[in-house]
Every structure is written in structure tokens, then in C-alpha cells.
Protein backbone atom coordinates (compact mmCIF):
# COMPACT_ATOMS: atom_id res chain seq x y z
CA MET A 1 0.00 0.00 0.00
CA GLU A 2 1.39 3.38 -1.01
CA PHE A 3 1.66 5.74 1.94
CA ASN A 4 3.08 9.23 1.46
CA TYR A 5 3.19 11.94 4.07
CA LYS A 6 5.21 15.05 4.90
CA VAL A 7 6.84 16.00 8.16
CA ASN A 8 7.84 19.47 9.33
CA PHE A 9 10.20 19.90 12.26
CA PRO A 10 10.96 23.12 14.16
CA SER A 11 13.73 25.02 12.40
CA ASP A 12 16.02 24.99 15.44
CA LEU A 13 16.43 21.21 15.30
CA GLU A 14 19.60 19.90 13.68
CA GLN A 15 17.90 18.44 10.59
CA PRO A 16 15.99 19.62 7.51
CA SER A 17 12.90 21.61 8.45
CA GLN A 18 10.80 19.51 6.07
CA VAL A 19 11.16 15.84 5.25
CA ALA A 20 9.05 14.24 2.54
CA VAL A 21 8.61 10.56 3.32
CA GLY A 22 7.24 7.77 1.18
CA ASP A 23 6.15 4.41 2.49
CA ALA A 24 6.34 4.16 6.28
CA SER A 25 9.00 1.46 5.95
CA ASP A 26 11.27 4.08 4.37
CA ALA A 27 10.71 6.71 7.04
CA ALA A 28 13.86 6.00 9.03
CA ASP A 29 16.07 7.66 6.45
CA GLY A 30 18.76 8.94 8.79
CA SER A 31 17.51 12.52 8.64
CA VAL A 32 16.68 12.53 12.36
CA SER A 33 19.91 12.39 14.37
CA SER A 34 20.03 10.87 17.87
CA ARG A 35 20.83 14.33 19.27
CA SER A 36 17.79 15.79 17.50
CA ARG A 37 15.62 12.99 18.85
CA LYS A 38 16.48 14.09 22.37
CA ARG A 39 15.68 17.70 21.49
CA MET A 40 12.34 16.64 20.00
CA SER A 41 11.26 15.05 23.27
CA GLY A 42 8.09 16.69 24.56
CA ILE A 43 7.44 18.80 21.45
CA PRO A 44 3.76 18.48 20.43
CA VAL A 45 3.04 16.61 17.21
CA VAL A 46 0.01 17.65 15.16
CA TYR A 47 -1.07 15.01 12.62
CA LEU A 48 -3.27 16.55 9.92
CA LEU A 49 -5.59 14.20 8.01
CA GLY A 50 -6.81 15.83 4.78
CA TRP A 51 -10.21 15.96 3.14
CA LEU A 52 -11.44 14.39 -0.12
CA GLY A 53 -9.74 16.16 -3.04
CA CYS A 54 -7.29 17.95 -0.78
CA GLN A 55 -3.78 18.66 -2.06
CA ASP A 56 -0.71 18.99 0.13
CA ARG A 57 -0.38 22.70 -0.68
CA HIS A 58 -3.85 23.18 0.83
CA LEU A 59 -3.06 21.18 3.94
CA ALA A 60 0.25 23.02 4.35
CA LYS A 61 -1.66 26.24 5.06
CA TYR A 62 -3.11 24.57 8.13
CA SER A 63 0.09 22.91 9.30
CA ALA A 64 1.76 26.35 9.08
CA LEU A 65 -0.48 27.53 11.93
CA TYR A 66 1.06 24.96 14.24
CA GLU A 67 4.58 25.26 12.83
CA SER A 68 4.55 28.95 13.74
CA GLU A 69 4.22 27.82 17.36
CA GLY A 70 7.22 25.47 17.13
CA PHE A 71 5.18 22.25 16.84
CA ILE A 72 6.08 19.23 14.74
CA THR A 73 3.51 18.59 12.01
CA ILE A 74 2.73 15.59 9.81
CA ARG A 75 0.43 15.85 6.81
CA TYR A 76 -1.37 12.90 5.22
CA ILE A 77 -4.12 12.75 2.60
CA ALA A 78 -5.84 9.41 2.00
CA LYS A 79 -6.38 8.52 -1.64
CA THR A 80 -9.94 8.55 -2.92
CA ASP A 81 -9.92 4.84 -3.73
CA TYR A 82 -8.83 4.09 -0.15
CA ILE A 83 -11.65 6.19 1.28
CA PHE A 84 -14.29 4.40 -0.76
CA SER A 85 -12.79 0.94 -0.42
CA SER A 86 -13.10 -1.70 2.29
CA LYS A 87 -12.91 -1.20 6.02
CA GLN A 88 -9.83 -3.42 6.00
CA ASN A 89 -8.03 -1.06 3.61
CA MET A 90 -8.89 1.95 5.72
CA ARG A 91 -7.65 0.12 8.81
CA ALA A 92 -4.38 -0.56 6.97
CA VAL A 93 -4.08 3.18 6.26
CA SER A 94 -4.67 3.96 9.93
CA VAL A 95 -2.00 1.46 10.93
CA LYS A 96 0.44 3.25 8.60
CA VAL A 97 -0.42 6.57 10.25
CA LEU A 98 0.34 5.20 13.71
CA GLU A 99 3.46 3.39 12.53
CA SER A 100 4.85 6.60 11.10
CA LEU A 101 5.00 8.08 14.61
CA PHE A 102 7.26 5.21 15.67
CA GLU A 103 9.37 5.42 12.52
CA LEU A 104 10.03 9.07 13.38
CA ASP A 105 10.67 8.30 17.06
CA LEU A 106 7.72 10.46 18.11
CA GLN A 107 5.83 7.79 20.03
CA GLU A 108 6.49 9.50 23.37
CA ASN A 109 5.54 13.01 22.24
CA PRO A 110 2.08 14.45 22.90
CA VAL A 111 0.04 13.84 19.74
CA PHE A 112 -2.91 15.82 18.40
CA PHE A 113 -4.98 14.84 15.37
CA HIS A 114 -6.48 17.57 13.17
CA VAL A 115 -9.19 15.85 11.12
CA PHE A 116 -10.77 17.38 8.01
CA SER A 117 -14.20 16.39 6.74
CA ASN A 118 -15.40 12.79 6.64
CA ALA A 119 -12.42 11.64 4.57
CA GLY A 120 -10.05 12.53 7.39
CA GLY A 121 -12.66 11.16 9.77
CA TYR A 122 -12.55 7.71 8.16
CA VAL A 123 -8.83 7.57 8.86
CA TYR A 124 -9.38 8.69 12.45
CA ARG A 125 -12.14 6.11 12.82
CA GLY A 126 -9.55 3.43 12.01
CA ILE A 127 -7.15 4.98 14.50
CA THR A 128 -9.63 4.90 17.38
CA ASP A 129 -10.64 1.34 16.43
CA ILE A 130 -7.00 0.31 16.82
CA LEU A 131 -6.14 2.30 19.95
CA CYS A 132 -9.33 1.32 21.76
CA GLY A 133 -9.44 -2.22 20.45
CA PRO A 134 -8.55 -5.40 22.34
CA SER A 135 -5.00 -5.58 20.94
CA PRO A 136 -3.47 -2.15 20.37
CA GLY A 137 0.05 -3.59 20.75
CA GLN A 138 2.85 -1.03 20.62
CA PHE A 139 0.35 1.70 19.74
CA ALA A 140 -0.84 1.72 23.35
CA GLN A 141 2.30 3.78 24.09
CA LEU A 142 1.06 6.74 22.05
CA GLN A 143 0.06 9.88 23.94
CA VAL A 144 -3.01 11.14 22.06
CA ARG A 145 -3.91 14.37 23.86
CA GLY A 146 -6.57 16.00 21.69
CA VAL A 147 -8.53 15.93 18.42
CA VAL A 148 -9.66 18.83 16.23
CA PHE A 149 -12.55 18.13 13.85
CA ASP A 150 -12.93 20.58 10.95
CA SER A 151 -16.25 20.23 9.09
CA SER A 152 -16.91 16.76 10.47
CA PRO A 153 -18.22 14.30 11.32
CA SER A 154 -21.60 13.76 9.73
CA ARG A 155 -23.81 10.79 9.07
CA PRO A 156 -22.56 9.82 5.60
CA THR A 157 -25.43 9.54 3.14
CA MET A 158 -25.68 9.14 -0.61
CA MET A 159 -26.44 12.85 -0.91
CA THR A 160 -23.47 14.04 1.17
CA ALA A 161 -21.17 11.72 -0.81
CA PHE A 162 -22.53 13.09 -4.10
CA ARG A 163 -22.10 16.70 -2.94
CA ALA A 164 -18.54 15.97 -1.83
CA ILE A 165 -17.62 14.47 -5.21
CA SER A 166 -19.42 17.30 -7.05
CA SER A 167 -17.28 19.82 -5.17
CA LEU A 168 -14.18 18.32 -6.80
CA GLN A 169 -15.30 19.23 -10.33
CA PRO A 170 -13.62 22.25 -12.00
CA PRO A 171 -15.70 25.44 -11.49
CA SER A 172 -15.25 26.35 -15.19
CA GLN A 173 -16.98 23.16 -16.29
CA HIS A 174 -20.60 23.34 -17.45
CA TRP A 175 -22.89 22.52 -14.53
CA LEU A 176 -24.64 19.66 -16.38
CA ILE A 177 -21.38 17.98 -17.39
CA SER A 178 -20.10 18.48 -13.86
CA ARG A 179 -23.16 16.79 -12.37
CA ILE A 180 -23.05 13.88 -14.83
CA LYS A 181 -19.36 13.25 -14.16
CA ALA A 182 -19.91 13.50 -10.42
CA PHE A 183 -22.81 11.05 -10.64
CA LEU A 184 -20.78 8.50 -12.58
CA ILE A 185 -17.86 8.74 -10.15
CA TRP A 186 -20.22 8.58 -7.20
CA ALA A 187 -22.06 5.53 -8.62
CA PHE A 188 -18.79 3.71 -9.26
CA PHE A 189 -17.49 4.21 -5.73
CA MET A 190 -20.86 3.56 -4.12
CA ILE A 191 -21.11 0.19 -5.87
CA LEU A 192 -17.61 -0.70 -4.74
CA GLY A 193 -18.33 0.50 -1.23
CA LEU A 194 -21.61 -1.38 -0.89
CA ARG A 195 -19.99 -4.55 -2.14
CA ALA A 196 -16.93 -4.20 0.06
CA ASN A 197 -18.24 -3.07 3.43
CA SER A 198 -20.75 -1.04 5.40
CA GLN A 199 -18.31 1.22 7.27
CA ARG A 200 -20.12 4.40 6.26
CA LEU A 201 -23.21 3.10 8.02
CA THR A 202 -21.41 2.92 11.36
CA TYR A 203 -18.76 5.65 11.06
CA PHE A 204 -20.73 8.37 12.87
CA ASP A 205 -21.59 6.07 15.78
CA VAL A 206 -17.97 4.92 16.11
CA ILE A 207 -16.81 8.54 16.49
CA LEU A 208 -19.67 9.21 18.92
CA ARG A 209 -18.51 6.29 21.07
CA ASP A 210 -14.80 7.09 20.68
CA LYS A 211 -13.13 5.89 23.88
CA ILE A 212 -9.95 7.90 23.52
CA ALA A 213 -10.34 10.03 26.63
CA CYS A 214 -9.02 13.32 25.31
CA PRO A 215 -10.66 16.71 24.67
CA GLN A 216 -12.09 17.48 21.25
CA LEU A 217 -12.58 20.74 19.34
CA PHE A 218 -15.25 21.02 16.64
CA LEU A 219 -14.97 23.75 13.99
CA TYR A 220 -18.01 24.01 11.74
CA SER A 221 -20.49 26.32 10.01
CA GLU A 222 -24.19 26.73 9.38
CA ALA A 223 -23.37 27.44 5.72
CA ASP A 224 -21.67 24.08 5.10
CA SER A 225 -23.44 22.57 2.07
CA ILE A 226 -21.79 19.14 2.42
CA VAL A 227 -21.80 18.34 6.14
CA PRO A 228 -24.98 19.48 7.97
CA CYS A 229 -24.20 21.48 11.08
CA GLU A 230 -27.02 19.61 12.82
CA ASP A 231 -25.00 16.38 12.58
CA ILE A 232 -21.99 17.99 14.22
CA GLN A 233 -24.17 19.50 16.94
CA LYS A 234 -25.62 16.05 17.65
CA MET A 235 -22.08 14.72 17.91
CA ILE A 236 -21.11 17.51 20.34
CA GLN A 237 -24.17 16.86 22.50
CA GLY A 238 -23.54 13.14 22.43
CA ARG A 239 -19.89 13.47 23.42
CA ARG A 240 -20.73 15.85 26.25
CA GLY A 241 -23.49 13.51 27.39
CA ARG A 242 -20.88 10.78 27.72
CA GLY A 243 -18.75 12.98 29.94
CA TYR A 244 -16.05 13.95 27.43
CA LYS A 245 -14.55 17.44 27.24
CA VAL A 246 -15.63 19.30 24.14
CA ARG A 247 -15.12 22.77 22.68
CA GLU A 248 -16.85 24.17 19.62
CA VAL A 249 -16.63 27.16 17.31
CA MET A 250 -19.51 27.66 14.88
CA TRP A 251 -19.55 30.23 12.09
CA LYS A 252 -22.53 31.31 10.04
CA ASP A 253 -21.00 32.00 6.65
CA SER A 254 -18.00 29.78 5.85
CA GLU A 255 -18.26 26.86 3.46
CA HIS A 256 -17.07 23.29 3.90
CA VAL A 257 -13.38 23.16 5.02
CA ALA A 258 -13.13 26.88 4.24
CA HIS A 259 -13.29 28.29 7.75
CA LEU A 260 -9.59 29.22 7.77
CA LEU A 261 -10.05 31.18 4.55
CA LYS A 262 -12.96 33.16 5.96
CA HIS A 263 -11.96 33.47 9.62
CA ARG A 264 -8.19 33.04 9.75
CA ASP A 265 -7.43 34.81 13.05
CA GLU A 266 -10.31 33.21 14.94
CA TYR A 267 -9.54 29.79 13.45
CA LYS A 268 -5.87 29.92 14.41
CA ALA A 269 -6.63 31.21 17.90
CA ALA A 270 -9.12 28.39 18.52
CA CYS A 271 -6.65 25.68 17.42
CA ILE A 272 -3.59 27.02 19.22
CA GLU A 273 -5.49 27.82 22.41
CA PHE A 274 -6.98 24.31 22.40
CA VAL A 275 -3.56 22.64 22.13
CA ASN A 276 -1.85 24.95 24.63
CA ASP A 277 -4.63 24.61 27.20
CA ILE A 278 -4.26 20.84 27.11
CA LEU A 279 -0.47 20.97 27.30
CA GLU A 280 -0.60 23.39 30.22
CA GLY A 281 -3.27 21.47 32.11
CA ARG A 282 -6.08 23.93 31.52
CA ASP A 283 -8.26 21.37 29.72
CA LYS A 284 -10.26 21.02 32.97
CA GLU A 285 -11.92 24.30 32.01
CA MET A 286 -13.43 22.76 28.89
CA ASP A 287 -17.12 21.92 28.89
């Protein structure tokens, strides 16, 4: 399975500030010296899981928010055929994500996941399945301290999947051609998905019952045309009802995964404050 991600280290470490890594088995490429490993101890790691159709240059705008604070960031975008394939394939992707932390000797650092849309959510679903499962193995060592959900999660339906695929079509394309192409792509992946597994039928409930006992931050909007804000609000209520610490920021006018574009200062402040409050023990103030 192809697995490509990018890592950014604080510039004061004795290694390249950015390392592009291919398959997880190739991650130990000698770029992280033993001295740098010691200096990396305790530095927060933010693992960003991209949305459907996301490109690394898009995700880099978000990782830059954390890099400006001296955090280590890792960016990963699951391929479309992985997202719409079997639960087993998505679990394999999630295993790769967790393995990469060990390959980079970051297994003892505080880890935060920043999850975008349902595509990033599917990867996180696999992660929580593994960490909270009966046999987490070496992954039980990981220090997951918080999760940020941007424009997710929702109850995946045929309509939300179609809207998500439609959003990937070029804006210059005629609307009818765009809809036909989106429908054909959607039908192809839906057939594969229905034949392979039913993970999209249980995804929302898995996140609702997530047993990773760490605070969560939900960033969403009433104007989101792909993920209904009502679904996210139900998730927030459900998590709070189970006794978990939750924060939320809701906007009225920003589109799906476009909150940073519309509300940059507020978005950055919410993310950085969330991470710092947890690191400094102020997460008890969350409700």
C-alpha cells in the first residue's frame, strides 16, 4: 500500500525543516539524528488528516499555523480509492499513520490529530478502532492528547457523498457535465463501497462512542453545504453527554473546510489555544 506523508520539524532542530517521506518502511532515512531525537522530546506533534480532493499545498496552510508555534507537524491525505474501499483497507491506512510516529521516534511526544471532513474522519475512525481495540500492541504507548474536527463528522449519506464528489469538479466546467461526471464517479465508488463493506453506516456512531479520553474541538459552520451542522451538533451533545470534554466554534458564513479562509485569526486562535490549554493542564476548564 502506497503511503506518502510530509513531516515538518521546528527550524532549530539539527535536521531539515521539512522531510518528505514515502512508504512508512522508508521513514527512518537517517535525517533525524540521535541528538535531535532528544531535542524533540516533549514537542507536540500535530497530525493533519486531509479531506477528499485535498492537495498537500492546501493542507500546508493549516500545518503552518502549528509550525509557527514550534510544533512538529505531519500531513497525510488518504487517496480517494482508499476512502471508498473496504474497512480493511482503511484500517491498513490507519496502521500506517500510527506506525509513522514510531518510525520518526515520536511515540512518546504528545500527539494531536487535526481531522478534516469525513475523509479525514474515516482515517481517524480506524485509529480509534485500533487504539481502543482489544489488541493495540505497541500503539498503546502513544500519547493522544486531543482531536480537532474541521467540518466533520456527519452521518454519511448518498447525498453528502454526491455533494462531496461534485465539489471536486472544475468550477469552469458546465454545470450539467459536472453533475453527470460527479454522478458516474459517485455511482462507481458507491457500488464498490456497498460490495466491500458497510463502514459508512457505522462511522458516525464509532466517532460518537470514541473511547480515547481526550478533549475534542469542533470547527463548523451553518453554511456548510456538504456536512450538515445539525449532525456535528448532535455529535457535540452526544460526546458531552458521555462525559467527554468538548469545545466548539460555529460560524454562520464559511463553506465546507473553508473556515480558515474566511476566519483566519479566529480559526488559528481556537486551534492554538486548544492545544496549549491541554499541554498546560487547563483542559479542565473545557465543557
